Protein backbone atom coordinates (compact mmCIF):
# COMPACT_ATOMS: atom_id res chain seq x y z
CA UNK A 1 0.11 0.12 0.08
CA UNK A 2 2.54 2.68 0.95
CA UNK A 3 4.52 1.63 -2.68
CA UNK A 4 0.69 3.51 -4.27
CA UNK A 5 1.27 6.71 -2.28
CA UNK A 6 3.49 9.70 -2.44
CA UNK A 7 6.89 9.14 -0.57
CA UNK A 8 6.63 13.34 0.08
CA UNK A 9 4.86 14.46 3.01
CA UNK A 10 2.93 17.36 1.29
CA UNK A 11 1.11 14.68 -1.55
CA UNK A 12 0.58 12.33 1.65
CA UNK A 13 -0.99 14.18 2.72
CA UNK A 14 -3.02 15.92 -0.10
CA UNK A 15 -3.56 12.39 -0.69
CA UNK A 16 -4.98 12.00 2.65
CA UNK A 17 -7.47 15.51 1.90
CA UNK A 18 -8.69 13.82 -1.16
CA UNK A 19 -9.84 10.77 0.17
CA UNK A 20 -11.61 12.33 3.16
CA UNK A 21 -13.55 14.41 0.84
CA UNK A 22 -14.16 12.47 -1.35
CA UNK A 23 -15.25 9.80 1.60
CA UNK A 24 -17.50 12.70 2.79
CA UNK A 25 -18.77 13.49 -0.73
CA UNK A 26 -19.72 9.91 -1.21
CA UNK A 27 -21.61 8.88 2.06
CA UNK A 28 -23.16 12.35 1.77
CA UNK A 29 -24.89 11.31 -1.79
CA UNK A 30 -25.49 7.60 -0.96
CA UNK A 31 -27.94 8.73 2.23
CA UNK A 32 -29.50 11.03 -0.26
CA UNK A 33 -30.13 9.70 -2.67
CA UNK A 34 -31.81 6.27 -0.26
CA UNK A 35 -33.58 9.49 2.01
CA UNK A 36 -34.80 10.65 -1.35
CA UNK A 37 -36.04 7.16 -3.14
CA UNK A 38 -37.47 5.85 0.40
CA UNK A 39 -39.33 9.12 0.23
CA UNK A 40 -40.65 9.06 -3.46
CA UNK A 41 -41.66 5.60 -2.83
CA UNK A 42 -43.64 6.62 0.50
CA UNK A 43 -45.39 9.82 -1.83
CA UNK A 44 -46.06 7.25 -4.77
CA UNK A 45 -47.57 4.36 -2.03
CA UNK A 46 -49.77 6.96 0.12
CA UNK A 47 -51.05 7.62 -4.36
CA UNK A 48 -51.18 4.28 -5.10
CA UNK A 49 -53.48 3.67 -1.70
CA UNK A 50 -55.73 6.58 -2.56
CA UNK A 51 -55.58 5.30 -6.57
CA UNK A 52 -56.50 1.85 -5.22
CA UNK A 53 -59.47 3.32 -3.22
CA UNK A 54 -61.01 5.09 -6.40
CA UNK A 55 -60.56 1.75 -8.29
CA UNK A 56 -62.90 0.21 -5.85
CA UNK A 57 -65.14 3.04 -5.33
CA UNK A 58 -66.09 3.00 -8.93
CA UNK A 59 -65.91 -0.95 -9.49
CA UNK A 60 -68.99 -0.90 -6.35
CA UNK A 61 -71.32 1.31 -8.61
CA UNK A 62 -71.38 -1.38 -11.62
CA UNK A 63 -74.22 -3.41 -10.86
CA UNK A 64 -73.59 -6.62 -8.66
CA UNK A 65 -71.05 -5.25 -7.37
CA UNK A 66 -66.41 -4.82 -8.26
CA UNK A 67 -66.87 -8.16 -10.82
CA UNK A 68 -65.41 -7.03 -13.88
CA UNK A 69 -67.14 -6.46 -16.49
CA UNK A 70 -67.95 -8.89 -19.08
CA UNK A 71 -66.99 -6.95 -22.37
CA UNK A 72 -64.75 -3.10 -22.66
CA UNK A 73 -62.31 -1.86 -20.30
CA UNK A 74 -62.81 -1.27 -16.89
CA UNK A 75 -64.46 2.05 -15.49
CA UNK A 76 -61.65 4.36 -14.68
CA UNK A 77 -62.11 7.04 -11.59
CA UNK A 78 -61.58 10.31 -11.44
CA UNK A 79 -58.56 11.40 -10.53
CA UNK A 80 -56.30 8.68 -12.07
CA UNK A 81 -53.04 9.17 -13.61
CA UNK A 82 -51.56 8.29 -16.82
CA UNK A 83 -49.75 4.68 -16.48
CA UNK A 84 -52.33 3.13 -13.59
CA UNK A 85 -53.26 -0.23 -13.44
CA UNK A 86 -55.99 -1.16 -12.16
CA UNK A 87 -56.90 -5.46 -11.98
CA UNK A 88 -60.21 -7.36 -11.04
CA UNK A 89 -59.59 -11.57 -10.49
CA UNK A 90 -63.16 -13.45 -9.53
CA UNK A 91 -62.52 -16.80 -9.75
CA UNK A 92 -61.65 -18.27 -13.68
CA UNK A 93 -62.13 -14.79 -14.95
CA UNK A 94 -59.36 -11.69 -14.76
CA UNK A 95 -59.50 -8.34 -16.09
CA UNK A 96 -57.33 -4.90 -15.57
CA UNK A 97 -56.46 -1.96 -17.76
CA UNK A 98 -53.32 0.97 -17.69
CA UNK A 99 -54.14 4.19 -18.08
CA UNK A 100 -52.06 4.84 -21.57
CA UNK A 101 -51.42 8.54 -22.90
CA UNK A 102 -55.05 9.43 -23.33
CA UNK A 103 -56.22 6.02 -23.90
CA UNK A 104 -57.06 2.31 -21.90
CA UNK A 105 -54.80 -0.09 -22.93
CA UNK A 106 -55.70 -3.74 -21.42
CA UNK A 107 -52.98 -6.04 -19.82
CA UNK A 108 -51.09 -9.17 -21.02
CA UNK A 109 -52.49 -12.39 -20.23
CA UNK A 110 -48.70 -12.71 -18.58
CA UNK A 111 -49.14 -9.50 -16.66
CA UNK A 112 -52.46 -10.70 -15.40
CA UNK A 113 -51.04 -14.81 -14.66
CA UNK A 114 -47.91 -12.07 -12.71
CA UNK A 115 -50.96 -10.15 -10.44
CA UNK A 116 -53.09 -13.18 -9.75
CA UNK A 117 -50.25 -13.97 -7.76
CA UNK A 118 -49.92 -11.68 -6.03
CA UNK A 119 -50.76 -12.47 -2.26
CA UNK A 120 -53.13 -9.77 -0.06
CA UNK A 121 -51.92 -8.65 3.01
CA UNK A 122 -52.26 -4.85 2.10
CA UNK A 123 -48.73 -4.75 1.55
CA UNK A 124 -47.61 -2.53 -0.91
CA UNK A 125 -44.69 -4.30 -3.60
CA UNK A 126 -42.81 -3.55 -6.28
CA UNK A 127 -42.67 -6.00 -8.89
CA UNK A 128 -41.17 -6.13 -12.54
CA UNK A 129 -44.15 -6.32 -15.46
CA UNK A 130 -42.15 -6.64 -18.18
CA UNK A 131 -42.97 -4.83 -21.42
CA UNK A 132 -44.66 -2.28 -18.38
CA UNK A 133 -41.78 -2.15 -16.95
CA UNK A 134 -41.39 -1.49 -13.09
CA UNK A 135 -44.96 -1.13 -10.72
CA UNK A 136 -45.50 0.16 -7.07
CA UNK A 137 -48.31 -3.02 -6.50
CA UNK A 138 -51.28 -3.51 -3.76
CA UNK A 139 -53.57 -6.12 -3.97
CA UNK A 140 -56.90 -6.68 -2.02
CA UNK A 141 -60.21 -8.45 -1.46
CA UNK A 142 -63.33 -8.12 -0.26
CA UNK A 143 -65.80 -10.54 1.38
CA UNK A 144 -67.22 -11.51 -1.58
CA UNK A 145 -64.01 -13.75 -3.10
CA UNK A 146 -62.78 -10.31 -5.28
CA UNK A 147 -59.64 -9.29 -5.76
CA UNK A 148 -58.51 -5.86 -6.70
CA UNK A 149 -55.38 -4.78 -7.79
CA UNK A 150 -53.97 -0.98 -8.49
CA UNK A 151 -50.27 -0.27 -9.49
CA UNK A 152 -48.68 3.09 -10.47
CA UNK A 153 -45.39 3.40 -12.35
CA UNK A 154 -41.73 3.94 -10.51
CA UNK A 155 -40.56 5.57 -14.05
CA UNK A 156 -40.72 9.21 -12.13
CA UNK A 157 -39.61 7.69 -8.94
CA UNK A 158 -36.05 6.11 -10.54
CA UNK A 159 -35.78 8.81 -12.84
CA UNK A 160 -35.74 11.30 -9.36
CA UNK A 161 -33.02 9.03 -8.45
CA UNK A 162 -31.31 8.84 -11.54
CA UNK A 163 -31.01 12.44 -11.84
CA UNK A 164 -29.99 13.01 -8.45
CA UNK A 165 -27.07 10.66 -7.94
CA UNK A 166 -25.95 12.33 -11.31
CA UNK A 167 -25.62 15.86 -9.90
CA UNK A 168 -24.28 14.41 -7.02
CA UNK A 169 -21.54 12.28 -8.58
CA UNK A 170 -20.81 15.64 -10.27
CA UNK A 171 -20.53 18.19 -6.89
CA UNK A 172 -18.67 15.50 -5.36
CA UNK A 173 -15.64 15.18 -8.26
CA UNK A 174 -16.22 19.52 -8.19
CA UNK A 175 -15.73 19.21 -4.12
CA UNK A 176 -12.79 16.88 -4.91
CA UNK A 177 -10.84 18.89 -7.43
CA UNK A 178 -11.35 21.55 -5.82
CA UNK A 179 -10.26 19.96 -2.12
CA UNK A 180 -7.16 19.06 -4.36
CA UNK A 181 -6.13 21.85 -5.47
CA UNK A 182 -7.34 24.42 -2.24
CA UNK A 183 -5.13 21.53 -0.30
CA UNK A 184 -2.14 21.92 -2.44
CA UNK A 185 -2.08 26.12 -1.48
CA UNK A 186 -2.64 24.91 2.01
CA UNK A 187 -0.64 22.23 2.32
CA UNK A 188 2.31 23.85 0.97
CA UNK A 189 2.40 26.64 2.66
CA UNK A 190 1.60 25.02 5.79
CA UNK A 191 4.78 22.80 5.23
CA UNK A 192 7.06 26.41 4.22
CA UNK A 193 8.63 26.10 7.59
CA UNK A 194 9.63 22.71 7.81
CA UNK A 195 11.46 23.06 4.40
CA UNK A 196 13.40 25.66 5.76
CA UNK A 197 13.89 23.96 8.49
CA UNK A 198 15.07 21.34 6.44
CA UNK A 199 17.58 24.10 4.02
CA UNK A 200 19.20 24.78 7.36
CA UNK A 201 19.50 20.89 7.66
CA UNK A 202 21.27 21.33 4.28
CA UNK A 203 23.22 23.98 4.78
CA UNK A 204 24.29 22.63 8.19
CA UNK A 205 25.40 19.50 5.84
CA UNK A 206 27.16 21.00 3.30
CA UNK A 207 29.89 22.56 6.23
CA UNK A 208 33.45 21.08 5.15
CA UNK A 209 33.18 19.63 9.23
CA UNK A 210 35.31 16.72 9.21
CA UNK A 211 38.27 18.77 10.31
CA UNK A 212 40.12 21.95 11.06
CA UNK A 213 38.31 24.92 13.48
CA UNK A 214 34.95 24.85 13.33
CA UNK A 215 32.78 28.33 11.96
CA UNK A 216 30.10 29.22 13.72
CA UNK A 217 26.70 26.70 12.60
CA UNK A 218 23.94 28.40 11.47
CA UNK A 219 20.63 28.41 13.08
CA UNK A 220 17.13 27.94 12.54
CA UNK A 221 15.39 31.50 12.70
CA UNK A 222 13.89 31.86 16.04
CA UNK A 223 10.03 32.59 14.57
CA UNK A 224 10.57 28.90 13.78
CA UNK A 225 11.17 27.38 17.07
CA UNK A 226 8.01 27.80 18.88
CA UNK A 227 7.21 24.80 20.73
CA UNK A 228 3.76 25.38 20.58
CA UNK A 229 3.55 24.33 17.03
CA UNK A 230 4.79 20.80 16.04
CA UNK A 231 7.44 22.72 13.00
CA UNK A 232 9.12 24.45 15.55
CA UNK A 233 9.59 22.09 18.87
CA UNK A 234 11.29 20.01 15.14
CA UNK A 235 13.54 23.08 14.51
CA UNK A 236 13.96 23.82 18.55
CA UNK A 237 15.60 20.57 18.92
CA UNK A 238 17.51 20.62 15.46
CA UNK A 239 18.85 24.30 16.83
CA UNK A 240 19.57 22.07 20.35
CA UNK A 241 20.95 19.15 18.33
CA UNK A 242 23.48 21.82 16.34
CA UNK A 243 25.04 23.29 19.77
CA UNK A 244 25.72 20.16 20.88
CA UNK A 245 27.13 19.73 17.48
CA UNK A 246 29.27 22.97 17.33
CA UNK A 247 30.83 22.63 21.02
CA UNK A 248 31.88 18.80 20.36
CA UNK A 249 33.55 19.94 17.02
CA UNK A 250 35.12 22.58 18.65
CA UNK A 251 35.55 19.81 21.63
CA UNK A 252 37.35 17.53 18.89
CA UNK A 253 39.14 20.66 17.68
CA UNK A 254 40.74 22.28 20.23
CA UNK A 255 41.64 18.83 20.96
CA UNK A 256 43.60 17.80 18.22
CA UNK A 257 45.75 20.71 18.27
CA UNK A 258 45.66 19.71 22.51
CA UNK A 259 46.74 16.29 20.82
CA UNK A 260 49.56 18.36 18.56
CA UNK A 261 50.80 20.59 20.74
CA UNK A 262 51.48 18.09 23.59
CA UNK A 263 53.75 15.32 20.46
CA UNK A 264 55.02 18.72 20.31
CA UNK A 265 56.42 19.78 23.71
CA UNK A 266 57.13 16.37 24.30
CA UNK A 267 59.10 15.76 21.50
CA UNK A 268 60.60 19.24 22.19
CA UNK A 269 61.16 18.51 25.77
CA UNK A 270 62.90 14.62 24.80
CA UNK A 271 65.38 16.76 22.63
CA UNK A 272 67.40 18.13 24.65
CA UNK A 273 68.10 15.04 26.40
CA UNK A 274 68.37 13.22 23.54
CA UNK A 275 71.19 15.39 21.90
CA UNK A 276 72.57 16.29 25.09
CA UNK A 277 73.21 12.11 25.81
CA UNK A 278 74.01 11.61 22.22
CA UNK A 279 76.84 15.11 22.45
CA UNK A 280 79.09 12.94 25.03
CA UNK A 281 78.73 9.88 23.88
CA UNK A 282 80.81 11.12 21.15
CA UNK A 283 82.97 13.24 23.24
CA UNK A 284 83.77 9.90 25.50
CA UNK A 285 84.18 8.27 21.41
CA UNK A 286 86.94 11.09 20.86
CA UNK A 287 88.35 11.60 24.11
CA UNK A 288 90.35 7.66 23.43
CA UNK A 289 90.39 6.99 27.40
CA UNK A 290 91.20 10.49 29.14
CA UNK A 291 89.35 9.22 32.71
CA UNK A 292 88.78 12.38 33.63
CA UNK A 293 86.00 12.67 30.41
CA UNK A 294 84.72 10.05 30.16
CA UNK A 295 83.63 10.16 33.84
CA UNK A 296 81.69 13.53 33.30
CA UNK A 297 80.36 12.77 30.01
CA UNK A 298 78.92 9.63 32.04
CA UNK A 299 78.00 11.80 34.92
CA UNK A 300 76.15 14.08 32.49
CA UNK A 301 74.37 11.03 29.97
CA UNK A 302 73.30 9.75 33.59
CA UNK A 303 72.01 12.87 34.34
CA UNK A 304 69.92 14.06 31.15
CA UNK A 305 68.91 9.94 31.28
CA UNK A 306 67.21 10.32 35.04
CA UNK A 307 65.77 12.89 33.42
CA UNK A 308 64.93 12.29 30.74
CA UNK A 309 63.07 8.67 32.63
CA UNK A 310 60.72 11.16 34.90
CA UNK A 311 59.35 12.84 31.57
CA UNK A 312 58.65 9.96 29.99
CA UNK A 313 56.97 8.27 33.92
CA UNK A 314 54.78 11.69 34.23
CA UNK A 315 54.04 11.54 29.92
CA UNK A 316 52.39 7.80 31.19
CA UNK A 317 51.08 8.44 34.29
CA UNK A 318 49.36 11.52 32.55
CA UNK A 319 48.19 8.66 29.84
CA UNK A 320 46.73 6.70 31.81
CA UNK A 321 44.84 8.50 34.18
CA UNK A 322 43.53 10.27 30.23
CA UNK A 323 42.81 6.44 29.34
CA UNK A 324 40.37 5.62 32.97
CA UNK A 325 42.67 3.47 34.34
CA UNK A 326 41.13 3.47 37.89
CA UNK A 327 43.77 3.97 40.61
CA UNK A 328 44.35 2.20 44.10
CA UNK A 329 41.55 2.54 46.57
CA UNK A 330 42.56 2.27 49.94
CA UNK A 331 42.00 4.17 52.85
CA UNK A 332 44.61 7.20 52.54
CA UNK A 333 46.09 9.82 56.28
CA UNK A 334 45.89 12.99 53.79
CA UNK A 335 48.12 14.06 57.50
CA UNK A 336 50.44 12.45 56.83
CA UNK A 337 50.65 12.73 53.37
CA UNK A 338 51.24 16.76 53.72
CA UNK A 339 53.21 16.55 57.11
CA UNK A 340 55.92 14.01 55.16
CA UNK A 341 55.52 16.13 51.60
CA UNK A 342 56.26 19.55 54.31
CA UNK A 343 59.44 17.90 55.58
CA UNK A 344 61.12 17.10 52.70
CA UNK A 345 60.69 20.43 51.13
CA UNK A 346 62.54 21.80 54.57
CA UNK A 347 64.89 19.66 53.31
CA UNK A 348 65.87 20.33 50.33
CA UNK A 349 65.43 23.90 50.46
CA UNK A 350 65.59 25.68 52.83
CA UNK A 351 65.90 29.13 51.74
CA UNK A 352 62.08 29.65 51.94
CA UNK A 353 60.48 29.60 55.48
CA UNK A 354 57.84 26.60 55.02
CA UNK A 355 54.88 26.51 57.45
CA UNK A 356 52.50 23.56 58.11
CA UNK A 357 47.99 23.70 59.57
CA UNK A 358 46.94 20.46 60.14
CA UNK A 359 44.16 19.68 62.79
CA UNK A 360 44.38 17.71 65.29
CA UNK A 361 42.98 14.58 64.55
CA UNK A 362 44.01 12.79 61.47
CA UNK A 363 41.70 12.84 58.00
CA UNK A 364 41.30 11.01 56.44
CA UNK A 365 39.76 10.10 52.19
CA UNK A 366 40.22 6.67 50.17
CA UNK A 367 42.74 7.06 46.98
CA UNK A 368 46.06 5.97 46.03
CA UNK A 369 48.15 7.14 48.50
CA UNK A 370 51.36 7.60 45.82
CA UNK A 371 49.60 9.31 43.77
CA UNK A 372 48.62 12.00 46.88
CA UNK A 373 51.75 12.39 47.84
CA UNK A 374 53.18 12.95 43.95
CA UNK A 375 49.79 15.62 43.72
CA UNK A 376 50.82 17.54 47.06
CA UNK A 377 54.60 17.11 46.77
CA UNK A 378 54.22 18.85 43.16
CA UNK A 379 52.76 22.21 44.32
CA UNK A 380 54.93 22.00 47.05
CA UNK A 381 58.37 21.28 44.10
CA UNK A 382 56.14 24.27 42.48
CA UNK A 383 56.56 26.71 44.91
CA UNK A 384 60.00 26.04 45.12
CA UNK A 385 60.71 27.40 41.58
CA UNK A 386 58.91 29.89 40.85
CA UNK A 387 59.68 31.74 43.84
CA UNK A 388 62.93 33.84 45.41
CA UNK A 389 64.80 32.47 48.38
CA UNK A 390 62.59 33.78 52.12
CA UNK A 391 59.13 33.14 50.59
CA UNK A 392 57.18 32.04 52.55
CA UNK A 393 55.09 28.50 51.70
CA UNK A 394 51.97 27.57 54.09
CA UNK A 395 50.62 24.21 53.04
CA UNK A 396 46.85 23.59 54.74
CA UNK A 397 44.94 20.51 55.61
CA UNK A 398 41.15 21.22 56.15
CA UNK A 399 38.59 18.64 56.53
CA UNK A 400 34.40 19.98 56.40
CA UNK A 401 31.13 18.04 56.34
CA UNK A 402 31.42 18.39 52.42
CA UNK A 403 34.94 17.70 51.69
CA UNK A 404 38.63 17.84 52.16
CA UNK A 405 40.66 20.75 51.06
CA UNK A 406 44.91 20.70 50.25
CA UNK A 407 45.29 24.54 50.13
CA UNK A 408 49.49 25.58 49.88
CA UNK A 409 50.10 29.50 49.59
CA UNK A 410 53.30 31.39 49.26
CA UNK A 411 53.65 34.96 49.38
CA UNK A 412 55.77 35.61 46.42
CA UNK A 413 55.27 37.56 43.04
CA UNK A 414 52.95 35.65 41.72
CA UNK A 415 50.98 34.19 38.86
CA UNK A 416 50.59 36.26 35.57
CA UNK A 417 47.24 37.18 35.00
CA UNK A 418 47.49 35.66 31.73
CA UNK A 419 49.50 32.41 32.14
CA UNK A 420 46.05 31.67 35.44
CA UNK A 421 43.28 30.10 32.31
CA UNK A 422 46.24 27.19 32.22
CA UNK A 423 48.11 27.15 34.65
CA UNK A 424 47.35 23.28 35.18
CA UNK A 425 47.50 22.48 30.73
CA UNK A 426 50.89 20.52 30.05
CA UNK A 427 54.12 21.81 29.09
CA UNK A 428 52.81 25.15 30.94
CA UNK A 429 55.68 27.13 32.45
CA UNK A 430 56.02 30.77 33.39
CA UNK A 431 58.50 31.17 31.37
CA UNK A 432 57.86 30.61 27.72
CA UNK A 433 62.09 30.80 26.27
CA UNK A 434 62.07 26.15 27.61
CA UNK A 435 65.76 26.94 29.84
CA UNK A 436 65.55 24.40 32.73
CA UNK A 437 66.74 27.51 34.68
CA UNK A 438 62.94 28.47 35.71
CA UNK A 439 61.90 25.43 36.11
CA UNK A 440 60.92 22.08 34.40
CA UNK A 441 59.19 20.45 31.85
CA UNK A 442 55.28 22.40 32.58
CA UNK A 443 53.88 18.99 33.75
CA UNK A 444 53.94 19.14 37.45
CA UNK A 445 50.57 21.11 37.38
CA UNK A 446 49.34 18.99 34.97
CA UNK A 447 50.24 15.65 36.71
CA UNK A 448 48.16 18.04 39.68
CA UNK A 449 44.96 18.13 38.09
CA UNK A 450 44.75 14.49 36.69
CA UNK A 451 45.51 13.13 40.10
CA UNK A 452 43.32 14.96 41.99
CA UNK A 453 40.55 14.54 39.48
CA UNK A 454 40.86 10.64 39.27
CA UNK A 455 40.09 10.52 42.54
CA UNK A 456 36.88 12.43 41.68
CA UNK A 457 38.14 15.77 43.32
CA UNK A 458 38.54 19.39 41.60
CA UNK A 459 41.84 22.10 41.27
CA UNK A 460 41.53 25.43 41.98
CA UNK A 461 43.95 28.52 41.59
CA UNK A 462 44.11 32.09 42.64
CA UNK A 463 46.96 34.34 42.50
CA UNK A 464 47.67 37.79 42.56
CA UNK A 465 51.25 39.67 43.91
CA UNK A 466 52.09 38.43 47.47
CA UNK A 467 48.91 36.28 48.11
CA UNK A 468 48.77 32.59 44.89
CA UNK A 469 46.91 30.10 46.43
CA UNK A 470 46.43 26.76 44.12
CA UNK A 471 43.59 23.71 46.22
CA UNK A 472 43.12 20.93 46.27
CA UNK A 473 39.26 19.87 46.75
CA UNK A 474 38.46 16.22 47.23
CA UNK A 475 35.25 14.95 48.75
CA UNK A 476 34.32 13.45 52.15
């Protein structure tokens, strides 16, 4: 069935409208014709009863009562119309006439035989009388056993119904054609907003979204996003979907850029120790067996190897955290971790003033002790590298009903305002010259963020000259 319907929604709606109009038109026509036929037939039956009454009274005037005359036509009552049929049956005698156009004709034997078989139950019937056509007839019998039959032709009723049906067919066809044209105009006008929505979707589909930065995608006009209408709901849903698509594409492009930058930065960071190792290896080959040169070269190679190993380990940890690999989950005494980390920094970096604020009771959370120790240590190392000697660094641990916070505050010069939004990005360094005098590879704070988020926590930074605070928040 579906293959016979138009493919477009416009065509299907027009076909539906035509079918409904045709169904209503045909139904109304059939009902009207049936009602009209019933009305005309009832009127014809009333006329038949009146005609039979007139014929019966006329025959009663004959000598001896209503019996067929021996010869000649039956008497015709006043008021009988053309086509009126009268027949009388008594014993073996049967006579009948039909009024023609200005004359009275005797009924044939076949017609009389048909009429003679009619039951006398005072019910009007429709019978086919051969050459005379269809008649509505009524047969009655008196007390003497005389049967009188009256009949009127149904030609007028049939012709009226046929003319009515013809006009109904013409009007129904005209109504269907009119409905088809008006329906086409109205449907196309009502579906114009839907075509505009589809045009917006096609415009977006034609945009080069597979690669590169994503330009602003078009949106459905605001007048086509009214949620009170079907088309408006479609337009609003398309706009919401386009918002999601655009944000996803932007996130994908940003991720691609980050990957490219990550690869470039990692390559740059690894190239320096590799170049150093290669240079000192060549120096060993050229120096022959000079023990001092060999010892200095091996020491430098060992230093750069350790530096490269640390960088590779940091990159591997970041990759594992990015892939969602779960960390160890155990009850960790965060107070002990903070105390150990600060104590280690006091030994390694005595040039700064280190202080600690922890509650009297142990603060415990669920997590990976080694990774949490690494996160706190990275923040303390970050404070050592980017503040001058004599800077005060305070590490505070606080526990509340909603979570646990670890904050590292220093009174150094603070971060550059442009650096604050990117301080937790990978390979972000305050010194863009990439010299090691100002710090490491720029992975410390990014590792802190990755480790904290792996523990379902959050990181934050606030900085101004003389007051820089890094805060780690863990769920209770």
